[in-house]
Amino acid sequence: MRAFVGVLLVTMVLMSACGAGDDGASPADAAAIDAAAVDAVPLDGAPADAEPLPEVTAPMLALGFSFSCLLHPTGRVKCWGDNSSGQLGLGDTAARGDAPGELGGALPWIDLGTGRHAIAIAGGLNHVCAILDDHRLKCWGSNGHGELGLGDTAARGDQPGEMGDALPAVDLGAGRTALAVAAGEFSTCALLDDHSVKCWGANDQGQLGQGDTVQRGDDPGELGDALAPVDVGSLHVADLGVGYYFACVTSDEGDVRCWGSNSEGQLGQGTTQRRGDDPGEMGAALVATTFGAGRFVARLGVGRFHSCAILDGDGALKCFGAGTSGQLGQGDLQSRGDQPGEMGDALPVVDLGVGRTARGLAFTQSDVCALLDDDEVKCWGNDFYGQAGQGHRSRIGDGPGEMGDALQPVPLPVGRAVRQVAGGGEHMCALFEDGGVRCWGFNDRGQLGQGDTETRGDDPGEVAATADVALY
C-alpha cells in the first residue's frame, strides 16, 4: 500500500496530518509496535524506576490551527496551545503552553476511555479525532457544524465529564471501523475497514462528496448506516486528506481523486469548478488528478488552497492550487491546476536541491515544508510568522533563484533524525526519532510549547535556540 499524507490545514488547513507517518508506514499499519521509535515513559506521578508502559503504536504529530498534539508510542495523547473549544480534551477552555509551568508533568494525558489508547490522531481547525486501539473513532473540540459526528453541535472536551468513557464514538455504520482519519476546518473524513470513505460536518462546498451542500452530523440520525459512503467509483482507497473545504483520496495504485472547493485549482482538474456539490459529479464522473505519463502518487498532502504530491519511484515533488504566496515553489505567484493544460507533464517539479527528494510533507495556511531524503527540512511560502524557519518574515518561492540549493534547510539540531514534520495554521513542528518535538512559527496561544507566546523563526537564530517541547 502506498502511503498518503493527509495534512489537515484548514484555515490553515491543517495535516495532516493524518495519514501515514514520514517513515512510510501506512495508516493501516499505524498500530504496529515500533520499538525503536521512542523510549517509553512512566505514567505521570510514577516513580522513576516504575515499569514503563509498553510501546503499542508509532508516534505522530497532529496540529490544529493554533494547537499541537502528540501521539506517544504508548498510545497516549497530549495537546497544547489554544483550547477555546476544548480541543485539548482536558474538560476546560484554558490554553496550555502559553505560560510557564503548564507543560511537562503538569500537562495531563487526554482521557480516551477505560483501557483505551490511540493508534492515530488528526487535527482540524479546532477539533481533534483519534482512532482507538479497537478502531473506533472519537472526536472532541469544536462542533458547530457537526464535525465531531455526534448528531449535535455541542463542543466536547470543554467541560468536565465529557471525555473518557463519557465521550461517544462516532457511528460509522454497522460493523464498520476506522483505518484512517483526516480533519479539516469544519469537517472530518474517515477511511473505513472496507476501504469506503465517509465524511461529515460542513458541506457548503460539497466537501462531503454527497452531491449536495447539506451538512451532516449536526442532527441525530445522520451518521451510521444513514450516511452514504463517498462515491469514488471503482477506486480502492488507501488513504485520504481533508483541506479547507475540500478532500482527496488516493488509491493503492497511486491514483488521486479530489472534490469540494476548487477556487484556486486545488483539486488539480484544470478548472475552478467545485465538485461534489451537485448530483452527477462524483463516482465515474469525478475527474482524476494527474501528474504526468506513467506517474503515480506515493504521498499526497493537502493545504488550505493548495496540494502537493510526492511521486512514486523518484520522490519528485509537484504542487498545485493557490500560488499567491509562492507556496507552489515555482519562483512566481501563479496558481496551477485552475486552467486546462497545467497538470500532468506540464506541472513542474519543485526544485529541492541537487539530488534531493521528498519523503514527507506539512502545510500551514500558505506554506509547505518538505522532509527530505537526507533528513533535512525545507520550507517555503508566505513565512509571515517565520514558519519557514529562516529567521525572517519574507516570502520564499515567489521569485526566481529562491528554491533548490539556494533554499536553506530549517536549522534543526544536527544528528537528530526527523521522523515527521507537521503544520498548523501558522506554525510547524518536527518530531524527531528520539521522541523530541520542536516547533516554530506563530505562537499566540502557546502552540509552540515554550511556556510563552513569543513567535519563533522570524528572527535569526531563533529556531536553533528553541528548546524541545517539555512533554514529560
Protein backbone atom coordinates (compact mmCIF):
# COMPACT_ATOMS: atom_id res chain seq x y z
CA MET A 1 0.00 0.00 0.00
CA ARG A 2 1.43 3.38 -0.94
CA ALA A 3 1.35 5.98 1.78
CA PHE A 4 -0.71 9.16 1.67
CA VAL A 5 -0.07 12.24 3.72
CA GLY A 6 -3.38 13.80 4.71
CA VAL A 7 -2.30 17.08 6.07
CA LEU A 8 -5.01 18.90 7.55
CA LEU A 9 -4.60 22.53 7.14
CA VAL A 10 -7.61 24.33 7.37
CA THR A 11 -7.94 27.88 7.62
CA MET A 12 -4.65 26.86 7.59
CA VAL A 13 -5.58 23.63 7.00
CA LEU A 14 -4.12 21.58 8.98
CA MET A 15 -2.34 17.65 8.06
CA SER A 16 -2.39 16.05 8.42
CA ALA A 17 -1.80 15.42 9.05
CA CYS A 18 -3.38 12.50 9.40
CA GLY A 19 -2.33 9.75 7.19
CA ALA A 20 0.93 7.91 7.25
CA GLY A 21 3.99 8.85 9.22
CA ASP A 22 7.07 10.01 7.39
CA ASP A 23 8.70 6.66 7.92
CA GLY A 24 6.50 5.30 5.15
CA ALA A 25 4.10 3.32 7.33
CA SER A 26 0.55 3.25 6.06
CA PRO A 27 -2.39 4.21 8.30
CA ALA A 28 -3.48 0.59 8.48
CA ASP A 29 -0.05 -0.23 9.88
CA ALA A 30 -0.08 2.60 12.39
CA ALA A 31 -0.90 0.29 15.29
CA ALA A 32 2.21 -1.79 14.75
CA ILE A 33 4.78 -1.67 17.54
CA ASP A 34 7.81 0.48 16.70
CA ALA A 35 10.24 -0.40 19.44
CA ALA A 36 13.00 1.78 18.01
CA ALA A 37 10.94 4.94 17.83
CA VAL A 38 10.81 6.44 21.32
CA ASP A 39 11.63 5.20 24.80
CA ALA A 40 8.50 4.50 26.82
CA VAL A 41 7.91 6.82 29.77
CA PRO A 42 6.22 6.05 33.09
CA LEU A 43 2.76 7.28 33.95
CA ASP A 44 2.57 10.77 35.44
CA GLY A 45 3.47 10.58 39.10
CA ALA A 46 5.04 7.14 38.84
CA PRO A 47 8.46 6.64 40.44
CA ALA A 48 11.45 6.85 38.12
CA ASP A 49 12.07 3.11 38.39
CA ALA A 50 8.44 2.18 37.66
CA GLU A 51 7.77 -0.31 34.91
CA PRO A 52 7.31 1.72 31.70
CA LEU A 53 4.20 1.30 29.64
CA PRO A 54 4.69 -0.85 26.53
CA GLU A 55 5.01 0.76 23.13
CA VAL A 56 1.91 -0.05 21.13
CA THR A 57 1.89 2.35 18.19
CA ALA A 58 4.03 4.60 16.03
CA PRO A 59 4.35 8.18 17.35
CA MET A 60 2.87 11.03 15.35
CA LEU A 61 2.08 14.73 15.46
CA ALA A 62 -1.24 16.33 14.57
CA LEU A 63 -1.55 20.11 14.51
CA GLY A 64 -4.62 22.31 14.51
CA PHE A 65 -4.87 25.99 13.74
CA SER A 66 -3.31 27.19 16.99
CA PHE A 67 -2.67 23.97 18.90
CA SER A 68 -0.47 20.90 18.66
CA CYS A 69 -0.89 17.26 19.66
CA LEU A 70 1.46 14.31 20.08
CA LEU A 71 0.53 10.65 19.96
CA HIS A 72 3.12 8.90 22.14
CA PRO A 73 4.27 5.34 21.33
CA THR A 74 2.38 4.18 24.43
CA GLY A 75 -0.84 5.27 22.71
CA ARG A 76 -1.41 8.24 25.00
CA VAL A 77 -2.08 11.74 23.65
CA LYS A 78 -1.10 15.20 24.84
CA CYS A 79 -2.17 18.50 23.29
CA TRP A 80 -1.11 22.09 23.99
CA GLY A 81 -1.89 25.59 22.72
CA ASP A 82 -5.32 27.06 22.05
CA ASN A 83 -8.19 25.43 23.91
CA SER A 84 -11.08 27.77 23.20
CA SER A 85 -13.28 24.87 22.04
CA GLY A 86 -11.96 22.18 24.36
CA GLN A 87 -9.69 20.79 21.65
CA LEU A 88 -7.02 19.91 24.22
CA GLY A 89 -9.51 17.43 25.69
CA LEU A 90 -8.99 18.49 29.30
CA GLY A 91 -12.51 19.46 30.32
CA ASP A 92 -11.94 23.22 30.21
CA THR A 93 -11.09 26.04 27.78
CA ALA A 94 -7.79 27.21 29.27
CA ALA A 95 -4.84 27.34 26.89
CA ARG A 96 -1.77 25.32 27.82
CA GLY A 97 1.81 26.18 26.91
CA ASP A 98 1.40 29.96 26.85
CA ALA A 99 2.74 30.43 30.39
CA PRO A 100 5.47 28.77 32.47
CA GLY A 101 4.68 25.61 34.41
CA GLU A 102 1.88 24.33 32.16
CA LEU A 103 3.76 21.62 30.27
CA GLY A 104 5.75 18.54 31.23
CA GLY A 105 4.15 16.60 34.06
CA ALA A 106 1.66 19.44 34.60
CA LEU A 107 0.06 18.74 31.21
CA PRO A 108 -2.30 15.76 31.56
CA TRP A 109 -2.69 12.95 29.09
CA ILE A 110 -6.10 13.00 27.41
CA ASP A 111 -8.61 10.52 28.81
CA LEU A 112 -9.69 8.33 25.88
CA GLY A 113 -11.68 5.84 27.96
CA THR A 114 -11.03 2.93 30.29
CA GLY A 115 -8.27 0.72 28.93
CA ARG A 116 -8.19 2.57 25.62
CA HIS A 117 -5.27 4.07 23.74
CA ALA A 118 -4.93 5.77 20.35
CA ILE A 119 -3.23 4.46 17.22
CA ALA A 120 -3.73 7.56 15.03
CA ILE A 121 -4.76 11.20 15.52
CA ALA A 122 -5.81 14.09 13.27
CA GLY A 123 -6.24 17.80 13.98
CA GLY A 124 -8.75 20.13 12.36
CA LEU A 125 -9.23 23.85 12.83
CA ASN A 126 -10.35 23.45 16.45
CA HIS A 127 -11.15 19.75 16.78
CA VAL A 128 -9.22 16.51 17.16
CA CYS A 129 -10.04 12.93 16.25
CA ALA A 130 -8.35 9.76 17.46
CA ILE A 131 -8.62 6.20 16.18
CA LEU A 132 -8.54 3.95 19.23
CA ASP A 133 -6.89 0.56 19.57
CA ASP A 134 -10.25 -1.12 18.86
CA HIS A 135 -10.51 1.03 15.68
CA ARG A 136 -13.42 3.06 16.99
CA LEU A 137 -13.20 6.79 16.31
CA LYS A 138 -13.58 9.51 18.94
CA CYS A 139 -13.56 13.26 18.26
CA TRP A 140 -13.61 16.30 20.54
CA GLY A 141 -13.34 20.09 20.39
CA SER A 142 -15.41 22.43 18.22
CA ASN A 143 -18.63 21.09 16.75
CA GLY A 144 -20.57 23.98 15.26
CA HIS A 145 -21.16 22.08 12.01
CA GLY A 146 -21.36 18.53 13.33
CA GLU A 147 -17.68 17.85 12.64
CA LEU A 148 -17.49 15.57 15.69
CA GLY A 149 -20.09 13.28 14.12
CA LEU A 150 -22.25 13.02 17.24
CA GLY A 151 -25.60 14.22 15.90
CA ASP A 152 -25.49 17.64 17.55
CA THR A 153 -23.47 20.87 17.58
CA ALA A 154 -22.24 20.78 21.18
CA ALA A 155 -18.50 21.00 21.70
CA ARG A 156 -16.85 18.18 23.63
CA GLY A 157 -13.86 18.42 25.94
CA ASP A 158 -14.59 21.97 27.07
CA GLN A 159 -16.48 20.91 30.20
CA PRO A 160 -15.69 18.39 32.95
CA GLY A 161 -17.05 14.89 32.46
CA GLU A 162 -17.16 14.95 28.65
CA MET A 163 -14.08 12.87 27.85
CA GLY A 164 -13.11 9.28 28.61
CA ASP A 165 -15.97 6.79 28.71
CA ALA A 166 -18.45 9.68 28.51
CA LEU A 167 -17.27 10.64 25.02
CA PRO A 168 -19.24 8.64 22.44
CA ALA A 169 -17.55 7.03 19.47
CA VAL A 170 -18.59 8.20 16.02
CA ASP A 171 -21.16 5.86 14.50
CA LEU A 172 -19.53 4.73 11.26
CA GLY A 173 -22.19 2.13 10.44
CA ALA A 174 -22.96 -1.43 11.46
CA GLY A 175 -19.73 -3.38 11.81
CA ARG A 176 -17.59 -0.57 10.42
CA THR A 177 -14.35 0.65 11.98
CA ALA A 178 -11.76 3.27 11.05
CA LEU A 179 -8.40 2.74 9.35
CA ALA A 180 -7.50 6.42 8.89
CA VAL A 181 -8.95 9.82 9.74
CA ALA A 182 -8.43 13.35 8.40
CA ALA A 183 -9.83 16.58 9.80
CA GLY A 184 -10.45 19.86 8.01
CA GLU A 185 -11.77 23.22 9.11
CA PHE A 186 -15.31 22.15 9.99
CA SER A 187 -15.46 18.63 8.53
CA THR A 188 -13.98 15.19 9.11
CA CYS A 189 -13.47 12.15 6.87
CA ALA A 190 -12.65 8.57 7.80
CA LEU A 191 -11.34 5.67 5.75
CA LEU A 192 -13.25 2.60 6.91
CA ASP A 193 -12.17 -1.00 7.20
CA ASP A 194 -13.96 -1.89 3.95
CA HIS A 195 -11.96 0.93 2.24
CA SER A 196 -15.01 3.11 1.82
CA VAL A 197 -14.86 6.78 2.86
CA LYS A 198 -17.39 8.68 4.95
CA CYS A 199 -17.33 12.43 5.60
CA TRP A 200 -19.41 14.63 7.91
CA GLY A 201 -19.64 18.22 9.12
CA ALA A 202 -19.79 21.37 6.99
CA ASN A 203 -20.71 20.87 3.34
CA ASP A 204 -21.20 24.28 1.77
CA GLN A 205 -18.66 23.47 -0.96
CA GLY A 206 -19.64 19.84 -1.50
CA GLN A 207 -16.69 18.64 0.58
CA LEU A 208 -18.70 15.70 1.92
CA GLY A 209 -18.99 14.33 -1.61
CA GLN A 210 -22.74 13.73 -1.43
CA GLY A 211 -23.83 15.73 -4.48
CA ASP A 212 -25.39 18.47 -2.36
CA THR A 213 -24.47 21.16 0.17
CA VAL A 214 -26.32 19.78 3.19
CA GLN A 215 -24.14 19.40 6.25
CA ARG A 216 -24.29 16.12 8.14
CA GLY A 217 -23.57 15.08 11.68
CA ASP A 218 -25.23 18.06 13.34
CA ASP A 219 -28.59 16.32 13.85
CA PRO A 220 -29.50 12.85 15.14
CA GLY A 221 -29.80 10.03 12.64
CA GLU A 222 -27.41 11.44 10.03
CA LEU A 223 -24.41 9.19 10.70
CA GLY A 224 -24.06 5.41 10.84
CA ASP A 225 -25.78 3.48 8.07
CA ALA A 226 -27.76 6.63 7.18
CA LEU A 227 -24.58 8.28 5.90
CA ALA A 228 -23.70 7.03 2.44
CA PRO A 229 -20.04 6.46 1.62
CA VAL A 230 -18.45 8.95 -0.76
CA ASP A 231 -18.77 7.62 -4.31
CA VAL A 232 -15.25 7.48 -5.74
CA GLY A 233 -16.13 4.95 -8.42
CA SER A 234 -14.01 1.82 -8.59
CA LEU A 235 -11.09 3.38 -6.70
CA HIS A 236 -9.75 1.17 -3.89
CA VAL A 237 -8.93 3.88 -1.38
CA ALA A 238 -5.69 3.60 0.59
CA ASP A 239 -5.85 6.92 2.44
CA LEU A 240 -7.35 10.38 2.49
CA GLY A 241 -6.74 14.02 3.35
CA VAL A 242 -9.00 16.95 4.14
CA GLY A 243 -8.17 20.57 3.35
CA TYR A 244 -10.03 23.85 3.52
CA TYR A 245 -13.45 22.76 2.26
CA PHE A 246 -12.09 20.01 0.02
CA ALA A 247 -10.96 16.42 0.34
CA CYS A 248 -8.79 13.99 -1.60
CA VAL A 249 -8.26 10.24 -1.66
CA THR A 250 -5.51 8.13 -3.14
CA SER A 251 -5.71 4.50 -4.21
CA ASP A 252 -3.37 1.58 -3.64
CA GLU A 253 -2.00 2.26 -7.11
CA GLY A 254 -1.37 5.97 -6.54
CA ASP A 255 -4.39 7.37 -8.37
CA VAL A 256 -5.92 10.55 -6.92
CA ARG A 257 -9.47 11.93 -6.79
CA CYS A 258 -10.47 15.21 -5.10
CA TRP A 259 -13.76 17.01 -4.52
CA GLY A 260 -15.19 20.09 -2.82
CA SER A 261 -13.95 23.68 -3.10
CA ASN A 262 -11.78 24.39 -6.14
CA SER A 263 -11.43 28.17 -6.24
CA GLU A 264 -7.66 28.02 -6.81
CA GLY A 265 -7.40 24.75 -8.72
CA GLN A 266 -6.60 22.78 -5.57
CA LEU A 267 -8.44 19.76 -6.96
CA GLY A 268 -5.95 19.66 -9.84
CA GLN A 269 -8.61 19.25 -12.51
CA GLY A 270 -7.79 22.21 -14.77
CA THR A 271 -10.81 24.25 -13.68
CA THR A 272 -12.10 26.21 -10.70
CA GLN A 273 -15.41 24.35 -10.69
CA ARG A 274 -16.46 22.73 -7.44
CA ARG A 275 -17.08 19.01 -7.40
CA GLY A 276 -19.44 17.11 -5.13
CA ASP A 277 -21.98 19.85 -4.52
CA ASP A 278 -24.36 18.80 -7.31
CA PRO A 279 -25.71 15.41 -8.40
CA GLY A 280 -23.76 13.53 -11.04
CA GLU A 281 -20.33 14.92 -10.16
CA MET A 282 -18.97 12.02 -8.14
CA GLY A 283 -18.26 8.38 -9.00
CA ALA A 284 -17.19 7.78 -12.57
CA ALA A 285 -17.73 11.49 -13.31
CA LEU A 286 -15.07 12.56 -10.83
CA VAL A 287 -12.04 13.74 -12.79
CA ALA A 288 -8.67 12.21 -11.90
CA THR A 289 -5.83 14.44 -10.74
CA THR A 290 -2.84 13.58 -12.93
CA PHE A 291 0.90 14.19 -12.59
CA GLY A 292 2.37 13.01 -15.87
CA ALA A 293 2.61 9.98 -18.11
CA GLY A 294 3.31 6.90 -16.04
CA ARG A 295 3.50 8.93 -12.82
CA PHE A 296 1.68 7.84 -9.69
CA VAL A 297 1.46 9.32 -6.22
CA ALA A 298 3.34 7.89 -3.27
CA ARG A 299 2.12 10.60 -0.88
CA LEU A 300 -0.41 13.39 -1.27
CA GLY A 301 -0.72 16.32 1.11
CA VAL A 302 -3.44 18.95 1.19
CA GLY A 303 -3.23 22.52 2.46
CA ARG A 304 -5.62 25.43 2.66
CA PHE A 305 -5.98 26.12 -1.07
CA HIS A 306 -3.03 24.10 -2.36
CA SER A 307 -1.89 20.49 -2.54
CA CYS A 308 1.38 18.67 -3.17
CA ALA A 309 2.24 15.16 -4.33
CA ILE A 310 5.38 13.13 -3.80
CA LEU A 311 5.62 10.92 -6.86
CA ASP A 312 6.26 7.22 -6.82
CA GLY A 313 9.69 5.99 -7.75
CA ASP A 314 11.92 9.06 -7.61
CA GLY A 315 10.44 11.16 -4.79
CA ALA A 316 9.87 14.15 -7.08
CA LEU A 317 7.53 16.79 -5.67
CA LYS A 318 4.76 18.59 -7.56
CA CYS A 319 2.45 21.22 -6.05
CA PHE A 320 -0.75 22.77 -7.40
CA GLY A 321 -3.57 25.10 -6.42
CA ALA A 322 -3.03 28.58 -4.97
CA GLY A 323 0.41 30.07 -5.58
CA THR A 324 -0.26 33.56 -4.26
CA SER A 325 2.46 33.32 -1.59
CA GLY A 326 4.97 31.24 -3.52
CA GLN A 327 3.76 28.07 -1.82
CA LEU A 328 3.99 26.07 -5.07
CA GLY A 329 7.75 26.68 -5.07
CA GLN A 330 7.97 27.76 -8.71
CA GLY A 331 9.52 31.20 -8.31
CA ASP A 332 6.30 33.03 -9.12
CA LEU A 333 2.85 33.80 -7.71
CA GLN A 334 0.83 31.82 -10.23
CA SER A 335 -1.79 29.28 -9.30
CA ARG A 336 -1.67 25.96 -11.11
CA GLY A 337 -4.39 23.43 -11.76
CA ASP A 338 -7.07 26.06 -12.28
CA GLN A 339 -6.66 26.17 -16.06
CA PRO A 340 -6.54 23.43 -18.72
CA GLY A 341 -3.09 22.13 -19.60
CA GLU A 342 -1.44 22.91 -16.26
CA MET A 343 -1.42 19.44 -14.70
CA GLY A 344 0.20 16.18 -15.78
CA ASP A 345 3.55 16.54 -17.53
CA ALA A 346 3.02 20.33 -17.71
CA LEU A 347 3.14 20.68 -13.92
CA PRO A 348 6.75 21.48 -12.94
CA VAL A 349 8.68 19.61 -10.28
CA VAL A 350 9.62 21.62 -7.19
CA ASP A 351 13.40 22.12 -7.03
CA LEU A 352 14.52 20.84 -3.62
CA GLY A 353 18.23 20.92 -4.40
CA VAL A 354 20.70 18.76 -6.32
CA GLY A 355 19.96 15.11 -5.68
CA ARG A 356 17.33 15.83 -3.07
CA THR A 357 13.91 14.16 -2.92
CA ALA A 358 10.94 14.44 -0.57
CA ARG A 359 9.65 11.80 1.82
CA GLY A 360 7.25 13.85 3.93
CA LEU A 361 5.06 16.96 3.71
CA ALA A 362 3.47 19.53 6.01
CA PHE A 363 1.35 22.60 5.37
CA THR A 364 0.30 25.81 7.07
CA GLN A 365 -2.22 28.18 5.52
CA SER A 366 0.15 29.31 2.78
CA ASP A 367 3.38 27.41 3.36
CA VAL A 368 4.83 23.98 2.60
CA CYS A 369 7.57 22.07 4.38
CA ALA A 370 9.19 19.00 2.85
CA LEU A 371 11.08 16.39 4.84
CA LEU A 372 13.92 15.41 2.53
CA ASP A 373 15.69 12.13 1.96
CA ASP A 374 18.72 13.41 3.92
CA ASP A 375 16.52 14.18 6.99
CA GLU A 376 16.68 17.93 6.43
CA VAL A 377 13.51 20.04 6.33
CA LYS A 378 12.98 22.79 3.75
CA CYS A 379 10.05 25.21 3.86
CA TRP A 380 8.72 27.89 1.53
CA GLY A 381 5.70 30.13 1.02
CA ASN A 382 4.25 33.03 2.99
CA ASP A 383 6.57 32.89 6.03
CA PHE A 384 4.86 35.87 7.68
CA TYR A 385 5.41 34.45 11.16
CA GLY A 386 8.69 32.69 10.49
CA GLN A 387 7.01 29.35 9.83
CA ALA A 388 9.61 28.64 7.13
CA GLY A 389 12.22 28.77 9.88
CA GLN A 390 14.60 31.08 8.03
CA GLY A 391 14.91 33.84 10.61
CA HIS A 392 12.90 36.39 8.62
CA ARG A 393 9.35 37.18 7.52
CA SER A 394 9.79 37.28 3.75
CA ARG A 395 8.06 35.08 1.21
CA ILE A 396 10.09 32.23 -0.23
CA GLY A 397 9.44 30.56 -3.57
CA ASP A 398 7.73 33.55 -5.15
CA GLY A 399 10.78 34.78 -7.06
CA PRO A 400 13.49 33.21 -9.25
CA GLY A 401 16.53 31.68 -7.57
CA GLU A 402 14.93 31.09 -4.18
CA MET A 403 14.46 27.33 -4.33
CA GLY A 404 16.85 24.42 -4.88
CA ASP A 405 20.27 24.68 -3.26
CA ALA A 406 19.60 28.37 -2.55
CA LEU A 407 16.89 27.39 -0.05
CA GLN A 408 18.50 26.65 3.28
CA PRO A 409 17.08 23.90 5.48
CA VAL A 410 15.39 24.72 8.77
CA PRO A 411 18.21 24.85 11.36
CA LEU A 412 17.19 21.83 13.39
CA PRO A 413 19.73 20.06 15.62
CA VAL A 414 22.49 18.24 13.75
CA GLY A 415 22.48 14.50 14.23
CA ARG A 416 18.83 14.18 15.26
CA ALA A 417 16.88 12.36 12.57
CA VAL A 418 13.45 13.81 11.81
CA ARG A 419 10.61 11.31 11.77
CA GLN A 420 7.75 13.65 10.81
CA VAL A 421 7.06 17.31 10.11
CA ALA A 422 3.55 18.68 10.67
CA GLY A 423 1.85 22.02 10.05
CA GLY A 424 -0.84 24.08 11.75
CA GLY A 425 -2.38 27.45 11.00
CA GLU A 426 0.88 29.40 11.02
CA HIS A 427 3.26 27.06 12.84
CA MET A 428 5.28 23.94 12.12
CA CYS A 429 6.57 21.14 14.34
CA ALA A 430 9.15 18.41 13.83
CA LEU A 431 9.04 15.03 15.57
CA PHE A 432 12.49 13.52 15.98
CA GLU A 433 13.26 9.82 16.01
CA ASP A 434 14.42 10.21 19.62
CA GLY A 435 10.90 11.33 20.59
CA GLY A 436 11.59 15.04 20.94
CA VAL A 437 9.32 17.67 19.42
CA ARG A 438 10.40 21.15 18.29
CA CYS A 439 8.04 23.82 16.93
CA TRP A 440 8.46 27.23 15.27
CA GLY A 441 6.30 29.97 13.76
CA PHE A 442 3.32 31.81 15.26
CA ASN A 443 2.76 31.29 18.98
CA ASP A 444 -0.18 33.42 20.06
CA ARG A 445 -1.74 30.60 22.10
CA GLY A 446 1.31 28.68 23.23
CA GLN A 447 1.16 26.22 20.34
CA LEU A 448 4.97 26.08 20.20
CA GLY A 449 5.03 24.64 23.71
CA GLN A 450 7.57 27.09 25.12
CA GLY A 451 5.62 28.45 28.08
CA ASP A 452 5.14 31.83 26.42
CA THR A 453 3.53 33.48 23.39
CA GLU A 454 6.70 34.56 21.59
CA THR A 455 6.82 33.80 17.87
CA ARG A 456 9.95 31.91 16.82
CA GLY A 457 11.58 31.63 13.43
CA ASP A 458 11.02 35.19 12.25
CA ASP A 459 14.36 36.44 13.59
CA PRO A 460 17.83 34.94 13.06
CA GLY A 461 18.92 32.15 15.37
CA GLU A 462 15.53 31.52 16.95
CA VAL A 463 14.80 28.03 15.64
CA ALA A 464 18.25 26.73 16.56
CA ALA A 465 17.88 28.21 20.05
CA THR A 466 14.37 26.86 20.61
CA ALA A 467 14.07 24.05 23.14
CA ASP A 468 12.15 20.85 22.59
CA VAL A 469 8.59 20.91 23.91
CA ALA A 470 8.59 19.73 27.54
CA LEU A 471 6.23 16.78 27.31
CA TYR A 472 7.01 14.59 30.32
